[in-house]
Amino acid sequence: MAETLATLAFISALSMILSTLLEKGKWLASLTAVFTILAFVQTPFESIHQSGGSALVIVSVLCISTQYYVNKNLPRKFLNGYSGIITLVLLLTMYPEDGINQTIHEYSFSSSIQAFIQSVFIGILLAQLIFISISFENQRALYAIAILAVLLIWADLLLSGELFVVIISMTFIGLMPFLENKINSKLGAGEGRANALAFSTIVGIALIYAITYATVSQVNRIGDGDGAVAVALWLTASVTGLGLIGMLLPLLGFDSHPRPEAWGWRSGIAFSPIILCIQTDLSGHVLVGILLALTISISSPLVLEKSKPKPI
């Protein structure tokens, strides 16, 4: 029964993503939350110690929070899109294909409660990061950073594989507006915007490749030869492809940002590790390169753009 409900949650998450193309779908997040809650209830409480049980709780909290924000009249398409993709990725990567099995380990009730609370906080963190990526607030950003710091110490997130990648990618997306607002306030309608975009994109791609190669070459099954080159190339190509797709977002109406193409590039590469999680367990190796590429993209207009001369 739990597997059926998890499958229904997966389908509902797909519907959340598709709802970004439609004018309907206000209550899809609630529907997804109901399916995941029922799926978790159908499993032993000790399943919270398994990735599948933890994923169900995280997704439940995320979707409940998403529904709350939708009802507060925040952009439904953004909320459903982000939450739907995250839900899809977490269910695909963390929920076992054959369902949650009975654990052979014995856990105390208190340790299960602790694991449950950790999963709840992860869901809250993801929801907060989505919120501040849409409507940035300093106080909420501080809350998100505090929760992340606590989880890194308390929940061993560095060992969480795909979940860690999802959280760090969403941290990039959530905190980007803070730096963008700081930089954009110092920029006017300068000349050389195309040059700044081209420079930051090319340098960003080079950094992503170089750092990805340096990290994947340390993986034993890959080595530092042609295998590392090939893996680094296709990881970089995937990130670049999603970044280029992001550049097209202004054509779909997402053009409120002062520099929409650069914003689209940053959004695409920041979100790309989440998509890569579906394909490979090596997606975490692109995170450092993406962080540097984001920094270059945000700051390059300060250096490369020239102010237009004032009319005499």
C-alpha atoms as a PDB file:
ATOM      1  CA  MET A   1       0.000   0.000   0.000  1.00  0.00           C
ATOM      2  CA  ALA A   2       2.810   2.414   0.879  1.00  0.00           C
ATOM      3  CA  GLU A   3       4.435   1.818  -2.520  1.00  0.00           C
ATOM      4  CA  THR A   4       1.173   2.646  -4.292  1.00  0.00           C
ATOM      5  CA  LEU A   5       0.809   5.864  -2.317  1.00  0.00           C
ATOM      6  CA  ALA A   6       4.428   6.801  -3.052  1.00  0.00           C
ATOM      7  CA  THR A   7       3.731   6.249  -6.751  1.00  0.00           C
ATOM      8  CA  LEU A   8       0.669   8.488  -6.521  1.00  0.00           C
ATOM      9  CA  ALA A   9       2.819  11.129  -4.815  1.00  0.00           C
ATOM     10  CA  PHE A  10       5.287  10.849  -7.686  1.00  0.00           C
ATOM     11  CA  ILE A  11       2.497  11.375 -10.227  1.00  0.00           C
ATOM     12  CA  SER A  12       1.169  14.294  -8.207  1.00  0.00           C
ATOM     13  CA  ALA A  13       4.649  15.858  -8.200  1.00  0.00           C
ATOM     14  CA  LEU A  14       4.707  15.549 -11.987  1.00  0.00           C
ATOM     15  CA  SER A  15       1.361  17.328 -12.042  1.00  0.00           C
ATOM     16  CA  MET A  16       2.831  20.121  -9.919  1.00  0.00           C
ATOM     17  CA  ILE A  17       5.557  20.614 -12.503  1.00  0.00           C
ATOM     18  CA  LEU A  18       3.095  20.571 -15.401  1.00  0.00           C
ATOM     19  CA  SER A  19       0.865  23.059 -13.581  1.00  0.00           C
ATOM     20  CA  THR A  20       3.500  25.722 -14.266  1.00  0.00           C
ATOM     21  CA  LEU A  21       2.200  25.699 -17.844  1.00  0.00           C
ATOM     22  CA  LEU A  22      -1.450  25.991 -16.820  1.00  0.00           C
ATOM     23  CA  GLU A  23      -3.655  28.324 -14.840  1.00  0.00           C
ATOM     24  CA  LYS A  24      -4.918  25.551 -12.577  1.00  0.00           C
ATOM     25  CA  GLY A  25      -3.293  23.416  -9.913  1.00  0.00           C
ATOM     26  CA  LYS A  26      -3.645  25.467  -6.748  1.00  0.00           C
ATOM     27  CA  TRP A  27      -4.159  22.435  -4.492  1.00  0.00           C
ATOM     28  CA  LEU A  28      -1.698  19.997  -6.060  1.00  0.00           C
ATOM     29  CA  ALA A  29       0.859  20.526  -3.294  1.00  0.00           C
ATOM     30  CA  SER A  30      -1.745  19.471  -0.726  1.00  0.00           C
ATOM     31  CA  LEU A  31      -2.561  16.379  -2.748  1.00  0.00           C
ATOM     32  CA  THR A  32       1.105  15.396  -2.896  1.00  0.00           C
ATOM     33  CA  ALA A  33       1.449  15.959   0.846  1.00  0.00           C
ATOM     34  CA  VAL A  34      -1.565  13.745   1.554  1.00  0.00           C
ATOM     35  CA  PHE A  35      -0.104  10.883  -0.486  1.00  0.00           C
ATOM     36  CA  THR A  36       3.315  11.094   1.179  1.00  0.00           C
ATOM     37  CA  ILE A  37       1.840  11.360   4.677  1.00  0.00           C
ATOM     38  CA  LEU A  38      -0.358   8.326   4.088  1.00  0.00           C
ATOM     39  CA  ALA A  39       2.607   6.428   2.632  1.00  0.00           C
ATOM     40  CA  PHE A  40       4.683   7.174   5.724  1.00  0.00           C
ATOM     41  CA  VAL A  41       1.852   6.194   8.058  1.00  0.00           C
ATOM     42  CA  GLN A  42       1.669   2.829   6.287  1.00  0.00           C
ATOM     43  CA  THR A  43       5.291   2.060   7.196  1.00  0.00           C
ATOM     44  CA  PRO A  44       6.844   1.335  10.609  1.00  0.00           C
ATOM     45  CA  PHE A  45       7.935   4.477  12.429  1.00  0.00           C
ATOM     46  CA  GLU A  46      11.504   3.140  12.418  1.00  0.00           C
ATOM     47  CA  SER A  47      11.516   3.621   8.640  1.00  0.00           C
ATOM     48  CA  ILE A  48      12.423   7.242   9.373  1.00  0.00           C
ATOM     49  CA  HIS A  49      15.996   5.968   9.742  1.00  0.00           C
ATOM     50  CA  GLN A  50      15.921   4.816   6.116  1.00  0.00           C
ATOM     51  CA  SER A  51      16.267   7.169   3.177  1.00  0.00           C
ATOM     52  CA  GLY A  52      12.788   6.282   1.917  1.00  0.00           C
ATOM     53  CA  GLY A  53      11.033   7.120   5.167  1.00  0.00           C
ATOM     54  CA  SER A  54      13.020  10.317   5.562  1.00  0.00           C
ATOM     55  CA  ALA A  55      12.164  11.360   1.997  1.00  0.00           C
ATOM     56  CA  LEU A  56       8.440  10.927   2.653  1.00  0.00           C
ATOM     57  CA  VAL A  57       8.590  13.195   5.707  1.00  0.00           C
ATOM     58  CA  ILE A  58      10.740  15.813   3.961  1.00  0.00           C
ATOM     59  CA  VAL A  59       8.424  15.926   0.957  1.00  0.00           C
ATOM     60  CA  SER A  60       5.335  16.103   3.179  1.00  0.00           C
ATOM     61  CA  VAL A  61       6.650  19.136   5.058  1.00  0.00           C
ATOM     62  CA  LEU A  62       7.862  20.771   1.847  1.00  0.00           C
ATOM     63  CA  CYS A  63       4.502  20.375   0.112  1.00  0.00           C
ATOM     64  CA  ILE A  64       2.516  21.531   3.148  1.00  0.00           C
ATOM     65  CA  SER A  65       4.699  24.655   3.303  1.00  0.00           C
ATOM     66  CA  THR A  66       4.313  25.158  -0.437  1.00  0.00           C
ATOM     67  CA  GLN A  67       0.536  25.021  -0.134  1.00  0.00           C
ATOM     68  CA  TYR A  68       0.688  27.568   2.678  1.00  0.00           C
ATOM     69  CA  TYR A  69       2.702  29.974   0.526  1.00  0.00           C
ATOM     70  CA  VAL A  70       0.400  29.427  -2.454  1.00  0.00           C
ATOM     71  CA  ASN A  71      -2.562  30.350  -0.272  1.00  0.00           C
ATOM     72  CA  LYS A  72      -0.641  33.498   0.725  1.00  0.00           C
ATOM     73  CA  ASN A  73      -0.763  34.498  -2.966  1.00  0.00           C
ATOM     74  CA  LEU A  74       2.897  33.950  -3.722  1.00  0.00           C
ATOM     75  CA  PRO A  75       3.593  32.948  -7.348  1.00  0.00           C
ATOM     76  CA  ARG A  76       1.996  29.520  -7.653  1.00  0.00           C
ATOM     77  CA  LYS A  77       3.897  28.501 -10.772  1.00  0.00           C
ATOM     78  CA  PHE A  78       7.282  29.125  -9.178  1.00  0.00           C
ATOM     79  CA  LEU A  79       6.303  27.365  -5.969  1.00  0.00           C
ATOM     80  CA  ASN A  80       4.759  24.345  -7.658  1.00  0.00           C
ATOM     81  CA  GLY A  81       7.627  24.116 -10.124  1.00  0.00           C
ATOM     82  CA  TYR A  82      10.398  24.177  -7.542  1.00  0.00           C
ATOM     83  CA  SER A  83       8.592  21.939  -5.057  1.00  0.00           C
ATOM     84  CA  GLY A  84       7.469  19.514  -7.746  1.00  0.00           C
ATOM     85  CA  ILE A  85      10.979  19.020  -9.111  1.00  0.00           C
ATOM     86  CA  ILE A  86      12.494  18.627  -5.643  1.00  0.00           C
ATOM     87  CA  THR A  87       9.783  16.135  -4.689  1.00  0.00           C
ATOM     88  CA  LEU A  88      10.354  14.210  -7.896  1.00  0.00           C
ATOM     89  CA  VAL A  89      14.114  14.052  -7.379  1.00  0.00           C
ATOM     90  CA  LEU A  90      13.900  13.058  -3.709  1.00  0.00           C
ATOM     91  CA  LEU A  91      11.416  10.277  -4.412  1.00  0.00           C
ATOM     92  CA  LEU A  92      13.449   8.992  -7.356  1.00  0.00           C
ATOM     93  CA  THR A  93      16.787   9.035  -5.556  1.00  0.00           C
ATOM     94  CA  MET A  94      15.840   8.237  -1.951  1.00  0.00           C
ATOM     95  CA  TYR A  95      12.731   6.054  -2.052  1.00  0.00           C
ATOM     96  CA  PRO A  96      13.659   2.393  -2.768  1.00  0.00           C
ATOM     97  CA  GLU A  97      12.264   0.795  -5.917  1.00  0.00           C
ATOM     98  CA  ASP A  98      10.998  -2.201  -3.943  1.00  0.00           C
ATOM     99  CA  GLY A  99       9.584  -0.073  -1.146  1.00  0.00           C
ATOM    100  CA  ILE A 100      10.692   0.355   2.442  1.00  0.00           C
ATOM    101  CA  ASN A 101      11.737  -2.925   4.027  1.00  0.00           C
ATOM    102  CA  GLN A 102      11.756  -3.902   7.670  1.00  0.00           C
ATOM    103  CA  THR A 103      15.033  -2.806   9.213  1.00  0.00           C
ATOM    104  CA  ILE A 104      17.259  -5.366  10.910  1.00  0.00           C
ATOM    105  CA  HIS A 105      18.512  -2.752  13.349  1.00  0.00           C
ATOM    106  CA  GLU A 106      16.757  -1.797  16.526  1.00  0.00           C
ATOM    107  CA  TYR A 107      16.277   1.886  17.242  1.00  0.00           C
ATOM    108  CA  SER A 108      15.053   3.542  20.382  1.00  0.00           C
ATOM    109  CA  PHE A 109      11.915   5.628  20.197  1.00  0.00           C
ATOM    110  CA  SER A 110      13.889   8.745  21.118  1.00  0.00           C
ATOM    111  CA  SER A 111      16.350   8.234  18.247  1.00  0.00           C
ATOM    112  CA  SER A 112      13.432   7.791  15.852  1.00  0.00           C
ATOM    113  CA  ILE A 113      11.875  11.016  17.117  1.00  0.00           C
ATOM    114  CA  GLN A 114      15.196  12.767  16.599  1.00  0.00           C
ATOM    115  CA  ALA A 115      15.469  11.480  13.024  1.00  0.00           C
ATOM    116  CA  PHE A 116      11.869  12.541  12.395  1.00  0.00           C
ATOM    117  CA  ILE A 117      12.567  16.070  13.652  1.00  0.00           C
ATOM    118  CA  GLN A 118      15.652  16.274  11.443  1.00  0.00           C
ATOM    119  CA  SER A 119      13.578  15.374   8.387  1.00  0.00           C
ATOM    120  CA  VAL A 120      10.938  17.933   9.337  1.00  0.00           C
ATOM    121  CA  PHE A 121      13.584  20.643   9.601  1.00  0.00           C
ATOM    122  CA  ILE A 122      15.032  19.683   6.222  1.00  0.00           C
ATOM    123  CA  GLY A 123      11.581  20.082   4.689  1.00  0.00           C
ATOM    124  CA  ILE A 124      11.179  23.470   6.378  1.00  0.00           C
ATOM    125  CA  LEU A 125      14.624  24.534   5.158  1.00  0.00           C
ATOM    126  CA  LEU A 126      13.838  23.649   1.543  1.00  0.00           C
ATOM    127  CA  ALA A 127      10.541  25.528   1.750  1.00  0.00           C
ATOM    128  CA  GLN A 128      12.261  28.592   3.222  1.00  0.00           C
ATOM    129  CA  LEU A 129      14.882  28.566   0.481  1.00  0.00           C
ATOM    130  CA  ILE A 130      12.192  28.421  -2.192  1.00  0.00           C
ATOM    131  CA  PHE A 131      10.360  31.303  -0.512  1.00  0.00           C
ATOM    132  CA  ILE A 132      13.372  33.624  -0.310  1.00  0.00           C
ATOM    133  CA  SER A 133      14.343  32.821  -3.892  1.00  0.00           C
ATOM    134  CA  ILE A 134      10.986  34.299  -4.922  1.00  0.00           C
ATOM    135  CA  SER A 135      10.549  37.013  -2.289  1.00  0.00           C
ATOM    136  CA  PHE A 136      13.802  37.648  -0.466  1.00  0.00           C
ATOM    137  CA  GLU A 137      13.614  38.656   3.180  1.00  0.00           C
ATOM    138  CA  ASN A 138      16.683  39.073   5.372  1.00  0.00           C
ATOM    139  CA  GLN A 139      14.999  37.559   8.417  1.00  0.00           C
ATOM    140  CA  ARG A 140      13.876  34.439   6.575  1.00  0.00           C
ATOM    141  CA  ALA A 141      17.324  34.112   5.016  1.00  0.00           C
ATOM    142  CA  LEU A 142      18.903  34.184   8.476  1.00  0.00           C
ATOM    143  CA  TYR A 143      16.443  31.524   9.640  1.00  0.00           C
ATOM    144  CA  ALA A 144      17.381  29.350   6.671  1.00  0.00           C
ATOM    145  CA  ILE A 145      21.107  29.773   7.296  1.00  0.00           C
ATOM    146  CA  ALA A 146      20.641  28.944  10.978  1.00  0.00           C
ATOM    147  CA  ILE A 147      18.651  25.795  10.165  1.00  0.00           C
ATOM    148  CA  LEU A 148      21.274  24.740   7.623  1.00  0.00           C
ATOM    149  CA  ALA A 149      24.089  25.251  10.132  1.00  0.00           C
ATOM    150  CA  VAL A 150      22.278  23.199  12.770  1.00  0.00           C
ATOM    151  CA  LEU A 151      21.551  20.404  10.308  1.00  0.00           C
ATOM    152  CA  LEU A 152      25.156  20.285   9.100  1.00  0.00           C
ATOM    153  CA  ILE A 153      26.261  19.731  12.689  1.00  0.00           C
ATOM    154  CA  TRP A 154      23.371  17.606  13.913  1.00  0.00           C
ATOM    155  CA  ALA A 155      22.178  15.572  10.950  1.00  0.00           C
ATOM    156  CA  ASP A 156      25.375  14.556   9.108  1.00  0.00           C
ATOM    157  CA  LEU A 157      24.151  16.147   5.889  1.00  0.00           C
ATOM    158  CA  LEU A 158      27.602  15.833   4.331  1.00  0.00           C
ATOM    159  CA  LEU A 159      26.986  12.085   4.215  1.00  0.00           C
ATOM    160  CA  SER A 160      23.485  12.369   2.768  1.00  0.00           C
ATOM    161  CA  GLY A 161      24.399  12.103  -0.922  1.00  0.00           C
ATOM    162  CA  GLU A 162      21.660  13.396  -3.187  1.00  0.00           C
ATOM    163  CA  LEU A 163      19.853  15.135  -0.331  1.00  0.00           C
ATOM    164  CA  PHE A 164      22.963  17.184   0.419  1.00  0.00           C
ATOM    165  CA  VAL A 165      23.219  18.188  -3.246  1.00  0.00           C
ATOM    166  CA  VAL A 166      19.567  19.263  -3.318  1.00  0.00           C
ATOM    167  CA  ILE A 167      19.962  21.357  -0.165  1.00  0.00           C
ATOM    168  CA  ILE A 168      23.156  23.085  -1.308  1.00  0.00           C
ATOM    169  CA  SER A 169      21.724  23.803  -4.762  1.00  0.00           C
ATOM    170  CA  MET A 170      18.623  25.324  -3.206  1.00  0.00           C
ATOM    171  CA  THR A 171      20.866  27.339  -0.884  1.00  0.00           C
ATOM    172  CA  PHE A 172      22.542  28.813  -3.959  1.00  0.00           C
ATOM    173  CA  ILE A 173      19.152  29.651  -5.458  1.00  0.00           C
ATOM    174  CA  GLY A 174      17.743  31.014  -2.213  1.00  0.00           C
ATOM    175  CA  LEU A 175      20.661  33.284  -1.359  1.00  0.00           C
ATOM    176  CA  MET A 176      21.380  34.517  -4.897  1.00  0.00           C
ATOM    177  CA  PRO A 177      18.854  37.377  -4.653  1.00  0.00           C
ATOM    178  CA  PHE A 178      20.757  38.860  -1.706  1.00  0.00           C
ATOM    179  CA  LEU A 179      23.962  39.269  -3.714  1.00  0.00           C
ATOM    180  CA  GLU A 180      22.093  40.245  -6.870  1.00  0.00           C
ATOM    181  CA  ASN A 181      20.271  43.037  -5.056  1.00  0.00           C
ATOM    182  CA  LYS A 182      23.529  44.332  -3.590  1.00  0.00           C
ATOM    183  CA  ILE A 183      25.210  44.419  -7.001  1.00  0.00           C
ATOM    184  CA  ASN A 184      22.235  45.640  -9.031  1.00  0.00           C
ATOM    185  CA  SER A 185      21.773  48.628  -6.743  1.00  0.00           C
ATOM    186  CA  LYS A 186      25.202  49.838  -7.871  1.00  0.00           C
ATOM    187  CA  LEU A 187      24.577  49.299 -11.571  1.00  0.00           C
ATOM    188  CA  GLY A 188      22.768  51.511 -13.993  1.00  0.00           C
ATOM    189  CA  ALA A 189      21.871  51.068 -17.629  1.00  0.00           C
ATOM    190  CA  GLY A 190      25.490  50.474 -18.518  1.00  0.00           C
ATOM    191  CA  GLU A 191      27.094  49.619 -21.826  1.00  0.00           C
ATOM    192  CA  GLY A 192      28.833  46.317 -22.452  1.00  0.00           C
ATOM    193  CA  ARG A 193      26.190  44.080 -20.913  1.00  0.00           C
ATOM    194  CA  ALA A 194      26.609  41.516 -23.675  1.00  0.00           C
ATOM    195  CA  ASN A 195      30.371  41.428 -23.124  1.00  0.00           C
ATOM    196  CA  ALA A 196      29.920  40.978 -19.379  1.00  0.00           C
ATOM    197  CA  LEU A 197      27.459  38.144 -19.953  1.00  0.00           C
ATOM    198  CA  ALA A 198      29.732  36.410 -22.466  1.00  0.00           C
ATOM    199  CA  PHE A 199      32.829  36.778 -20.287  1.00  0.00           C
ATOM    200  CA  SER A 200      31.157  35.532 -17.116  1.00  0.00           C
ATOM    201  CA  THR A 201      29.593  32.600 -18.957  1.00  0.00           C
ATOM    202  CA  ILE A 202      32.838  31.443 -20.575  1.00  0.00           C
ATOM    203  CA  VAL A 203      34.875  31.860 -17.397  1.00  0.00           C
ATOM    204  CA  GLY A 204      32.150  30.122 -15.414  1.00  0.00           C
ATOM    205  CA  ILE A 205      32.162  27.119 -17.741  1.00  0.00           C
ATOM    206  CA  ALA A 206      35.954  26.912 -17.525  1.00  0.00           C
ATOM    207  CA  LEU A 207      35.858  27.020 -13.720  1.00  0.00           C
ATOM    208  CA  ILE A 208      33.148  24.378 -13.524  1.00  0.00           C
ATOM    209  CA  TYR A 209      35.144  22.046 -15.763  1.00  0.00           C
ATOM    210  CA  ALA A 210      38.478  22.606 -14.021  1.00  0.00           C
ATOM    211  CA  ILE A 211      37.161  22.084 -10.504  1.00  0.00           C
ATOM    212  CA  THR A 212      34.936  19.182 -11.519  1.00  0.00           C
ATOM    213  CA  TYR A 213      37.916  17.461 -13.129  1.00  0.00           C
ATOM    214  CA  ALA A 214      40.039  18.051 -10.034  1.00  0.00           C
ATOM    215  CA  THR A 215      37.424  16.490  -7.755  1.00  0.00           C
ATOM    216  CA  VAL A 216      36.239  13.556  -9.877  1.00  0.00           C
ATOM    217  CA  SER A 217      39.839  12.536 -10.514  1.00  0.00           C
ATOM    218  CA  GLN A 218      40.017  11.714  -6.807  1.00  0.00           C
ATOM    219  CA  VAL A 219      37.224   9.147  -7.152  1.00  0.00           C
ATOM    220  CA  ASN A 220      38.780   5.675  -7.171  1.00  0.00           C
ATOM    221  CA  ARG A 221      36.504   4.174  -9.793  1.00  0.00           C
ATOM    222  CA  ILE A 222      37.281   7.021 -12.210  1.00  0.00           C
ATOM    223  CA  GLY A 223      40.945   7.829 -11.675  1.00  0.00           C
ATOM    224  CA  ASP A 224      42.818  10.805 -13.067  1.00  0.00           C
ATOM    225  CA  GLY A 225      43.101   9.747 -16.710  1.00  0.00           C
ATOM    226  CA  ASP A 226      40.726   9.812 -19.650  1.00  0.00           C
ATOM    227  CA  GLY A 227      37.855   8.720 -17.426  1.00  0.00           C
ATOM    228  CA  ALA A 228      38.110  11.874 -15.330  1.00  0.00           C
ATOM    229  CA  VAL A 229      38.266  14.019 -18.460  1.00  0.00           C
ATOM    230  CA  ALA A 230      35.174  12.360 -19.924  1.00  0.00           C
ATOM    231  CA  VAL A 231      33.162  12.573 -16.696  1.00  0.00           C
ATOM    232  CA  ALA A 232      34.144  16.197 -16.112  1.00  0.00           C
ATOM    233  CA  LEU A 233      33.202  17.050 -19.692  1.00  0.00           C
ATOM    234  CA  TRP A 234      29.736  15.539 -19.602  1.00  0.00           C
ATOM    235  CA  LEU A 235      28.994  16.952 -16.149  1.00  0.00           C
ATOM    236  CA  THR A 236      30.102  20.388 -17.336  1.00  0.00           C
ATOM    237  CA  ALA A 237      28.118  20.003 -20.557  1.00  0.00           C
ATOM    238  CA  SER A 238      24.999  19.123 -18.570  1.00  0.00           C
ATOM    239  CA  VAL A 239      25.383  22.120 -16.276  1.00  0.00           C
ATOM    240  CA  THR A 240      26.094  24.385 -19.245  1.00  0.00           C
ATOM    241  CA  GLY A 241      23.092  23.070 -21.161  1.00  0.00           C
ATOM    242  CA  LEU A 242      20.748  23.782 -18.269  1.00  0.00           C
ATOM    243  CA  GLY A 243      22.310  27.218 -17.864  1.00  0.00           C
ATOM    244  CA  LEU A 244      21.716  27.998 -21.536  1.00  0.00           C
ATOM    245  CA  ILE A 245      18.124  26.828 -21.199  1.00  0.00           C
ATOM    246  CA  GLY A 246      17.834  29.225 -18.272  1.00  0.00           C
ATOM    247  CA  MET A 247      18.925  32.054 -20.554  1.00  0.00           C
ATOM    248  CA  LEU A 248      15.771  31.443 -22.577  1.00  0.00           C
ATOM    249  CA  LEU A 249      13.481  32.066 -19.604  1.00  0.00           C
ATOM    250  CA  PRO A 250      13.026  35.760 -20.518  1.00  0.00           C
ATOM    251  CA  LEU A 251      11.361  34.575 -23.733  1.00  0.00           C
ATOM    252  CA  LEU A 252       8.744  32.839 -21.568  1.00  0.00           C
ATOM    253  CA  GLY A 253       7.961  36.012 -19.674  1.00  0.00           C
ATOM    254  CA  PHE A 254      10.460  35.747 -16.813  1.00  0.00           C
ATOM    255  CA  ASP A 255      12.057  39.091 -17.619  1.00  0.00           C
ATOM    256  CA  SER A 256      11.520  41.172 -14.485  1.00  0.00           C
ATOM    257  CA  HIS A 257      15.184  40.943 -13.487  1.00  0.00           C
ATOM    258  CA  PRO A 258      17.382  43.904 -14.562  1.00  0.00           C
ATOM    259  CA  ARG A 259      19.632  41.479 -16.459  1.00  0.00           C
ATOM    260  CA  PRO A 260      17.290  38.602 -17.267  1.00  0.00           C
ATOM    261  CA  GLU A 261      19.657  36.544 -19.425  1.00  0.00           C
ATOM    262  CA  ALA A 262      22.362  36.569 -16.746  1.00  0.00           C
ATOM    263  CA  TRP A 263      19.742  35.736 -14.116  1.00  0.00           C
ATOM    264  CA  GLY A 264      18.510  32.856 -16.264  1.00  0.00           C
ATOM    265  CA  TRP A 265      22.049  31.526 -16.672  1.00  0.00           C
ATOM    266  CA  ARG A 266      22.634  31.624 -12.926  1.00  0.00           C
ATOM    267  CA  SER A 267      19.297  30.007 -12.148  1.00  0.00           C
ATOM    268  CA  GLY A 268      19.962  27.236 -14.647  1.00  0.00           C
ATOM    269  CA  ILE A 269      23.410  26.296 -13.386  1.00  0.00           C
ATOM    270  CA  ALA A 270      22.387  26.625  -9.727  1.00  0.00           C
ATOM    271  CA  PHE A 271      19.484  24.233 -10.249  1.00  0.00           C
ATOM    272  CA  SER A 272      21.401  21.818 -12.485  1.00  0.00           C
ATOM    273  CA  PRO A 273      22.885  19.601  -9.719  1.00  0.00           C
ATOM    274  CA  ILE A 274      19.345  18.728  -8.600  1.00  0.00           C
ATOM    275  CA  ILE A 275      18.541  17.476 -12.094  1.00  0.00           C
ATOM    276  CA  LEU A 276      21.875  15.658 -12.321  1.00  0.00           C
ATOM    277  CA  CYS A 277      21.012  13.744  -9.137  1.00  0.00           C
ATOM    278  CA  ILE A 278      18.552  11.708 -11.181  1.00  0.00           C
ATOM    279  CA  GLN A 279      21.315  10.544 -13.510  1.00  0.00           C
ATOM    280  CA  THR A 280      24.435  10.183 -11.383  1.00  0.00           C
ATOM    281  CA  ASP A 281      25.788  10.116  -7.859  1.00  0.00           C
ATOM    282  CA  LEU A 282      28.619  12.407  -8.990  1.00  0.00           C
ATOM    283  CA  SER A 283      26.472  15.536  -9.138  1.00  0.00           C
ATOM    284  CA  GLY A 284      28.016  16.902  -5.951  1.00  0.00           C
ATOM    285  CA  HIS A 285      31.335  17.355  -7.722  1.00  0.00           C
ATOM    286  CA  VAL A 286      30.027  20.344  -9.690  1.00  0.00           C
ATOM    287  CA  LEU A 287      28.915  22.352  -6.648  1.00  0.00           C
ATOM    288  CA  VAL A 288      32.156  24.229  -5.963  1.00  0.00           C
ATOM    289  CA  GLY A 289      32.614  25.145  -9.612  1.00  0.00           C
ATOM    290  CA  ILE A 290      29.025  26.367  -9.804  1.00  0.00           C
ATOM    291  CA  LEU A 291      29.526  28.502  -6.702  1.00  0.00           C
ATOM    292  CA  LEU A 292      32.506  30.219  -8.327  1.00  0.00           C
ATOM    293  CA  ALA A 293      30.644  30.594 -11.625  1.00  0.00           C
ATOM    294  CA  LEU A 294      27.736  32.234  -9.802  1.00  0.00           C
ATOM    295  CA  THR A 295      30.114  34.619  -8.063  1.00  0.00           C
ATOM    296  CA  ILE A 296      31.728  35.598 -11.368  1.00  0.00           C
ATOM    297  CA  SER A 297      28.359  36.057 -13.059  1.00  0.00           C
ATOM    298  CA  ILE A 298      26.972  38.275 -10.303  1.00  0.00           C
ATOM    299  CA  SER A 299      30.062  40.449  -9.877  1.00  0.00           C
ATOM    300  CA  SER A 300      31.351  40.790 -13.453  1.00  0.00           C
ATOM    301  CA  PRO A 301      28.987  43.655 -14.449  1.00  0.00           C
ATOM    302  CA  LEU A 302      30.654  45.844 -11.817  1.00  0.00           C
ATOM    303  CA  VAL A 303      33.950  45.508 -13.648  1.00  0.00           C
ATOM    304  CA  LEU A 304      33.021  45.033 -17.288  1.00  0.00           C
ATOM    305  CA  GLU A 305      30.017  47.274 -17.792  1.00  0.00           C
ATOM    306  CA  LYS A 306      30.573  50.946 -18.469  1.00  0.00           C
ATOM    307  CA  SER A 307      28.207  53.678 -17.425  1.00  0.00           C
ATOM    308  CA  LYS A 308      26.524  55.518 -20.235  1.00  0.00           C
ATOM    309  CA  PRO A 309      27.760  59.089 -20.613  1.00  0.00           C
ATOM    310  CA  LYS A 310      25.327  61.667 -19.351  1.00  0.00           C
ATOM    311  CA  PRO A 311      23.738  63.799 -22.074  1.00  0.00           C
ATOM    312  CA  ILE A 312      25.108  67.303 -22.286  1.00  0.00           C
END
